[in-house]
Amino acid sequence: MGEICVRLKMPPIIGELMAGVLLGNYVLGIIDNSNDVLMSFAEIGVIFLMFHVGLEIRVKDLFAVGRTAVFVGILGILIPLIMGFLTMFFLGYQVVESLFIATAILATSVGITVKVLKDLGLIKHKVAYIVLGAAVLDDIFALIILALVKGLAKGEFHTLEFSLLVLESIVFVGFLTWWGPKLASRTRHWIEKLNIPEGPFVLSVVLCLGLAELADVIGLAAIIGSFMAGIVIDELAGVYDLENKVKYVNEFFLPFFFVMMGAHLDPRAFADPRLLFLILIVTVVAVVSKMAGSALACMKEDWKTKIQTGVCMVPRGEVGIIVGLVG
């Protein structure tokens, strides 16, 4: 179906998502959306997607739009959180329920946005740098807020644990962004002495998976760790042709991610008028709030950049599923 979409001049991701809907539990039942092997393949796919993007990103270019990206990330969290909570609360939901639904619409799907930007050849455009920086912050903020909401729901909120999560997140991203590339550049002479086949590539994969696991242990999304791994060894990527080698891994594993995301969608939900109404309300709030937050954050940019940034920040996915499973 991805091939069909390409022939129709549409992003292949649409076909992959639709394939997941058709093959999933709720339609043909050919694949199980809780299958451990398929879910592992899906996670590997999005981890290497973000690793590949990190390899393509130049840290200096990311810093150039850093202020705008931070504002987009912050307002892109605050406005959806407030609008989502107020909407659900006024519809009659309890405070905790409203907070969970609001949290589910917070984070931009980095995987979906990045894939579309890559398919359209815009991954090195200014808007892409703004969106990437903001989306990574989105994920961090959303997972921190999820930890807060989960604690409130259980009546077991611990200030120390919450503070540690915030501190660890700041140190993790800050250290790897600032010191990571400097440390990696000093290892080049050591890497060149390796005799094992494809030594640099093997080490890059170890770093990618290692930081993905570390991010997960801290309480962040694994994709943030793999993205940071790409940022860290960005300067070595061209020397050892890492981008092309990682790209081949992507081509195999990434479709599993989008197919499995599609498999989680139950089309029968659209047959219930009340649920359909709620879905439409939440969708409108999610789109409008995210675009409004992005537009306000990009006040100094032209309208084209504002609209493009807003549209790119709209997709939701990985974190929303995590919130749904927790809630």
Protein backbone atom coordinates (compact mmCIF):
# COMPACT_ATOMS: atom_id res chain seq x y z
CA MET A 1 0.00 0.00 0.00
CA GLY A 2 2.97 2.26 0.52
CA GLU A 3 3.91 1.72 -3.13
CA ILE A 4 0.38 2.64 -4.22
CA CYS A 5 0.57 5.87 -2.25
CA VAL A 6 3.94 6.72 -3.82
CA ARG A 7 2.44 6.21 -7.29
CA LEU A 8 -0.42 8.52 -6.29
CA LYS A 9 2.21 11.08 -5.17
CA MET A 10 1.25 10.68 -1.52
CA PRO A 11 3.61 9.91 1.40
CA PRO A 12 4.05 6.11 1.73
CA ILE A 13 3.38 6.43 5.45
CA ILE A 14 -0.35 6.76 4.66
CA GLY A 15 -0.34 3.36 2.95
CA GLU A 16 1.61 1.78 5.80
CA LEU A 17 -0.84 3.12 8.39
CA MET A 18 -3.83 1.92 6.35
CA ALA A 19 -2.21 -1.49 5.93
CA GLY A 20 -1.95 -1.68 9.72
CA VAL A 21 -5.65 -0.82 10.13
CA LEU A 22 -6.68 -3.53 7.64
CA LEU A 23 -4.33 -6.22 8.95
CA GLY A 24 -4.88 -5.48 12.64
CA ASN A 25 -7.09 -7.16 15.24
CA TYR A 26 -10.14 -5.08 14.46
CA VAL A 27 -10.54 -5.79 10.71
CA LEU A 28 -8.85 -8.85 9.14
CA GLY A 29 -7.08 -10.00 12.30
CA ILE A 30 -3.99 -11.15 10.41
CA ILE A 31 -1.57 -9.46 12.80
CA ASP A 32 -1.86 -9.05 16.57
CA ASN A 33 -1.18 -5.49 17.70
CA SER A 34 0.29 -6.85 20.95
CA ASN A 35 2.69 -9.29 19.25
CA ASP A 36 6.03 -8.89 21.03
CA VAL A 37 8.16 -9.61 17.95
CA LEU A 38 6.31 -7.16 15.71
CA MET A 39 6.29 -4.51 18.43
CA SER A 40 10.05 -4.97 18.89
CA PHE A 41 10.59 -4.54 15.14
CA ALA A 42 8.39 -1.43 15.26
CA GLU A 43 10.39 0.07 18.12
CA ILE A 44 13.69 -0.71 16.40
CA GLY A 45 12.33 1.01 13.29
CA VAL A 46 11.48 4.30 14.98
CA ILE A 47 14.68 4.19 17.08
CA PHE A 48 16.83 3.96 13.95
CA LEU A 49 14.69 6.57 12.18
CA MET A 50 15.52 9.09 14.89
CA PHE A 51 19.16 7.95 14.94
CA HIS A 52 19.37 8.59 11.19
CA VAL A 53 17.81 12.03 11.60
CA GLY A 54 20.29 12.84 14.36
CA LEU A 55 23.14 11.93 11.99
CA GLU A 56 21.76 14.35 9.39
CA ILE A 57 21.27 17.24 11.80
CA ARG A 58 24.02 19.79 12.29
CA VAL A 59 24.19 20.91 15.90
CA LYS A 60 25.06 24.49 14.94
CA ASP A 61 21.94 24.67 12.75
CA LEU A 62 19.86 23.28 15.62
CA PHE A 63 21.27 25.94 17.95
CA ALA A 64 20.49 28.62 15.33
CA VAL A 65 16.76 27.97 15.73
CA GLY A 66 17.04 26.87 19.35
CA ARG A 67 15.16 29.79 20.87
CA THR A 68 12.23 29.43 18.47
CA ALA A 69 12.19 25.64 18.92
CA VAL A 70 12.06 26.02 22.71
CA PHE A 71 9.13 28.46 22.48
CA VAL A 72 7.31 26.17 20.03
CA GLY A 73 7.91 23.23 22.36
CA ILE A 74 6.70 25.07 25.48
CA LEU A 75 3.61 26.71 23.96
CA GLY A 76 2.93 23.53 21.99
CA ILE A 77 2.55 21.79 25.35
CA LEU A 78 0.85 24.47 27.47
CA ILE A 79 -1.93 25.45 25.07
CA PRO A 80 -3.03 21.87 24.19
CA LEU A 81 -2.84 20.94 27.90
CA ILE A 82 -5.06 23.85 28.96
CA MET A 83 -7.51 23.57 26.05
CA GLY A 84 -7.68 19.78 26.29
CA PHE A 85 -8.30 19.81 30.03
CA LEU A 86 -10.95 22.56 29.92
CA THR A 87 -12.77 20.91 27.00
CA MET A 88 -13.02 17.51 28.68
CA PHE A 89 -13.87 19.03 32.07
CA PHE A 90 -16.75 21.06 30.61
CA LEU A 91 -17.97 17.91 28.83
CA GLY A 92 -18.50 16.35 32.25
CA TYR A 93 -15.33 14.33 32.80
CA GLN A 94 -13.57 14.16 36.16
CA VAL A 95 -10.38 16.17 36.77
CA VAL A 96 -8.01 13.18 36.50
CA GLU A 97 -9.78 11.84 33.38
CA SER A 98 -9.58 15.28 31.77
CA LEU A 99 -5.87 15.50 32.60
CA PHE A 100 -5.16 12.08 31.06
CA ILE A 101 -6.93 12.98 27.80
CA ALA A 102 -5.22 16.38 27.72
CA THR A 103 -1.84 14.68 28.25
CA ALA A 104 -2.56 12.24 25.41
CA ILE A 105 -2.84 15.09 22.88
CA LEU A 106 0.27 16.96 24.06
CA ALA A 107 3.22 15.43 22.25
CA THR A 108 3.92 15.65 18.54
CA SER A 109 4.69 12.28 16.96
CA VAL A 110 8.37 12.68 16.13
CA GLY A 111 8.34 9.47 14.08
CA ILE A 112 5.44 10.47 11.81
CA THR A 113 6.59 14.07 11.36
CA VAL A 114 10.18 13.11 10.58
CA LYS A 115 9.12 10.43 8.08
CA VAL A 116 6.89 12.87 6.19
CA LEU A 117 9.60 15.56 6.17
CA LYS A 118 12.11 13.03 4.83
CA ASP A 119 9.68 11.79 2.16
CA LEU A 120 9.12 15.40 1.05
CA GLY A 121 12.86 16.16 1.05
CA LEU A 122 12.49 18.88 3.70
CA ILE A 123 14.49 17.33 6.52
CA LYS A 124 17.28 19.94 6.22
CA HIS A 125 14.89 22.89 5.87
CA LYS A 126 14.73 25.55 8.60
CA VAL A 127 11.20 24.46 9.55
CA ALA A 128 12.44 20.89 10.05
CA TYR A 129 15.07 22.07 12.55
CA ILE A 130 12.46 24.06 14.49
CA VAL A 131 10.03 21.14 14.49
CA LEU A 132 12.66 18.56 15.49
CA GLY A 133 13.90 20.62 18.41
CA ALA A 134 10.36 21.41 19.54
CA ALA A 135 9.12 17.83 19.08
CA VAL A 136 11.93 16.40 21.21
CA LEU A 137 11.07 18.92 23.95
CA ASP A 138 7.40 18.00 23.48
CA ASP A 139 8.13 14.36 24.22
CA ILE A 140 10.19 15.22 27.29
CA PHE A 141 7.56 17.59 28.70
CA ALA A 142 4.70 15.21 27.91
CA LEU A 143 6.35 12.27 29.67
CA ILE A 144 7.16 14.44 32.69
CA ILE A 145 3.53 15.61 32.82
CA LEU A 146 2.38 12.00 32.41
CA ALA A 147 4.44 11.03 35.47
CA LEU A 148 2.77 13.87 37.39
CA VAL A 149 -0.77 12.94 36.27
CA LYS A 150 -0.18 9.24 36.94
CA GLY A 151 0.96 10.06 40.47
CA LEU A 152 -2.08 12.26 41.08
CA ALA A 153 -4.42 9.53 39.78
CA LYS A 154 -2.96 6.99 42.21
CA GLY A 155 -2.71 9.49 45.05
CA GLU A 156 0.99 8.63 45.30
CA PHE A 157 2.72 11.73 43.96
CA HIS A 158 6.32 11.93 45.17
CA THR A 159 7.99 15.32 44.83
CA LEU A 160 11.50 13.84 45.00
CA GLU A 161 10.91 11.30 42.21
CA PHE A 162 9.29 13.94 40.01
CA SER A 163 12.13 16.40 40.62
CA LEU A 164 14.70 13.71 39.80
CA LEU A 165 12.94 12.95 36.49
CA VAL A 166 13.06 16.64 35.53
CA LEU A 167 16.72 16.97 36.57
CA GLU A 168 17.79 13.76 34.80
CA SER A 169 16.03 14.84 31.61
CA ILE A 170 17.78 18.22 31.59
CA VAL A 171 21.20 16.70 32.31
CA PHE A 172 20.74 13.91 29.75
CA VAL A 173 19.79 16.17 26.84
CA GLY A 174 22.00 19.09 27.85
CA PHE A 175 25.17 17.04 28.37
CA LEU A 176 24.80 15.05 25.14
CA THR A 177 24.01 18.14 23.06
CA TRP A 178 26.89 20.23 24.38
CA TRP A 179 29.62 17.74 25.33
CA GLY A 180 28.66 14.65 23.32
CA PRO A 181 30.01 15.79 19.92
CA LYS A 182 33.22 17.08 21.52
CA LEU A 183 33.90 13.77 23.24
CA ALA A 184 33.03 11.79 20.10
CA SER A 185 35.48 13.78 17.95
CA ARG A 186 38.30 12.84 20.33
CA THR A 187 37.66 9.12 19.82
CA ARG A 188 38.29 9.19 16.06
CA HIS A 189 41.96 8.20 16.33
CA TRP A 190 40.96 5.23 18.50
CA ILE A 191 38.17 4.17 16.14
CA GLU A 192 40.56 4.16 13.18
CA LYS A 193 42.71 1.55 14.95
CA LEU A 194 39.85 -0.98 15.09
CA ASN A 195 40.35 -4.13 13.04
CA ILE A 196 36.83 -5.57 13.31
CA PRO A 197 34.74 -5.38 10.10
CA GLU A 198 32.54 -2.27 9.97
CA GLY A 199 33.88 -1.23 13.38
CA PRO A 200 32.61 2.39 13.26
CA PHE A 201 29.12 1.25 12.21
CA VAL A 202 28.97 -1.40 14.94
CA LEU A 203 30.03 1.15 17.58
CA SER A 204 27.46 3.65 16.32
CA VAL A 205 24.69 1.04 16.65
CA VAL A 206 25.87 0.20 20.18
CA LEU A 207 25.78 3.90 21.08
CA CYS A 208 22.33 4.31 19.53
CA LEU A 209 20.79 1.37 21.38
CA GLY A 210 22.67 2.18 24.57
CA LEU A 211 21.42 5.77 24.75
CA ALA A 212 17.92 4.65 23.74
CA GLU A 213 17.93 2.23 26.68
CA LEU A 214 19.36 4.87 29.03
CA ALA A 215 16.65 7.34 28.01
CA ASP A 216 14.02 4.68 28.67
CA VAL A 217 15.49 3.91 32.10
CA ILE A 218 15.44 7.61 33.01
CA GLY A 219 11.77 7.77 32.07
CA LEU A 220 12.06 9.43 28.67
CA ALA A 221 11.16 7.94 25.30
CA ALA A 222 13.80 5.66 23.76
CA ILE A 223 13.64 7.71 20.53
CA ILE A 224 15.05 10.72 22.38
CA GLY A 225 18.12 8.67 23.28
CA SER A 226 18.64 7.43 19.72
CA PHE A 227 18.20 10.96 18.33
CA MET A 228 20.82 12.24 20.77
CA ALA A 229 23.15 9.40 19.70
CA GLY A 230 22.95 10.71 16.14
CA ILE A 231 23.67 14.25 17.34
CA VAL A 232 26.70 13.03 19.32
CA ILE A 233 28.44 11.31 16.38
CA ASP A 234 27.22 13.70 13.69
CA GLU A 235 30.76 14.82 12.78
CA LEU A 236 31.89 11.20 12.30
CA ALA A 237 28.90 10.23 10.15
CA GLY A 238 30.32 11.57 6.89
CA VAL A 239 33.77 10.11 7.51
CA TYR A 240 32.48 6.55 7.92
CA ASP A 241 29.38 6.79 5.67
CA LEU A 242 27.13 6.02 8.62
CA GLU A 243 24.06 7.75 7.17
CA ASN A 244 23.77 5.36 4.23
CA LYS A 245 24.39 2.28 6.36
CA VAL A 246 21.75 3.27 8.91
CA LYS A 247 19.38 4.11 6.07
CA TYR A 248 19.32 0.45 4.97
CA VAL A 249 18.35 -0.64 8.49
CA ASN A 250 15.59 1.98 8.40
CA GLU A 251 14.17 0.78 5.11
CA PHE A 252 13.52 -2.67 6.56
CA PHE A 253 12.34 -1.92 10.10
CA LEU A 254 10.51 1.42 9.82
CA PRO A 255 7.37 0.15 8.00
CA PHE A 256 6.73 -2.14 11.00
CA PHE A 257 6.35 0.95 13.19
CA PHE A 258 3.67 2.57 11.06
CA VAL A 259 1.86 -0.71 10.38
CA MET A 260 1.71 -1.45 14.12
CA MET A 261 0.48 2.07 14.83
CA GLY A 262 -2.32 1.53 12.33
CA ALA A 263 -3.10 -1.83 13.91
CA HIS A 264 -3.97 -0.07 17.18
CA LEU A 265 -6.84 1.82 15.53
CA ASP A 266 -10.29 0.29 15.96
CA PRO A 267 -12.50 1.48 13.05
CA ARG A 268 -15.58 0.31 14.98
CA ALA A 269 -15.17 3.33 17.25
CA PHE A 270 -16.51 5.49 14.43
CA ALA A 271 -19.81 3.56 14.48
CA ASP A 272 -20.75 4.88 17.94
CA PRO A 273 -22.25 8.40 17.48
CA ARG A 274 -21.32 9.55 20.98
CA LEU A 275 -17.76 8.28 20.72
CA LEU A 276 -17.46 9.69 17.20
CA PHE A 277 -18.57 13.10 18.50
CA LEU A 278 -15.96 12.92 21.28
CA ILE A 279 -13.26 11.88 18.79
CA LEU A 280 -14.10 14.84 16.55
CA ILE A 281 -14.05 17.27 19.49
CA VAL A 282 -10.70 16.01 20.76
CA THR A 283 -9.26 16.04 17.23
CA VAL A 284 -10.32 19.65 16.62
CA VAL A 285 -8.91 20.74 19.99
CA ALA A 286 -5.66 18.84 19.34
CA VAL A 287 -5.16 20.43 15.91
CA VAL A 288 -6.24 23.98 16.77
CA SER A 289 -4.31 24.14 20.05
CA LYS A 290 -1.08 22.82 18.57
CA MET A 291 -1.23 25.16 15.56
CA ALA A 292 -2.10 28.12 17.80
CA GLY A 293 0.81 27.36 20.11
CA SER A 294 3.23 27.03 17.20
CA ALA A 295 2.01 30.25 15.55
CA LEU A 296 2.36 32.23 18.79
CA ALA A 297 5.86 30.83 19.35
CA CYS A 298 6.95 31.80 15.82
CA MET A 299 5.89 35.45 16.11
CA LYS A 300 9.10 36.70 14.47
CA GLU A 301 8.84 34.27 11.55
CA ASP A 302 6.87 34.82 8.33
CA TRP A 303 3.37 33.36 7.96
CA LYS A 304 4.58 30.54 5.73
CA THR A 305 6.98 29.34 8.42
CA LYS A 306 4.28 29.68 11.09
CA ILE A 307 1.80 27.57 9.13
CA GLN A 308 4.38 24.95 8.13
CA THR A 309 5.61 24.64 11.72
CA GLY A 310 2.06 24.37 13.03
CA VAL A 311 1.10 21.68 10.52
CA CYS A 312 4.27 19.68 11.23
CA MET A 313 3.59 19.80 14.97
CA VAL A 314 0.04 18.43 14.62
CA PRO A 315 0.66 14.64 14.22
CA ARG A 316 0.28 12.62 17.42
CA GLY A 317 1.36 9.04 17.99
CA GLU A 318 3.86 7.29 20.24
CA VAL A 319 3.37 9.23 23.48
CA GLY A 320 -0.41 9.28 22.99
CA ILE A 321 -0.42 5.48 22.84
CA ILE A 322 1.72 5.33 26.00
CA VAL A 323 -0.74 7.62 27.81
CA GLY A 324 -3.65 5.48 26.61
CA LEU A 325 -2.03 2.32 27.95
CA VAL A 326 -1.20 3.96 31.29
CA GLY A 327 -4.63 5.56 31.66
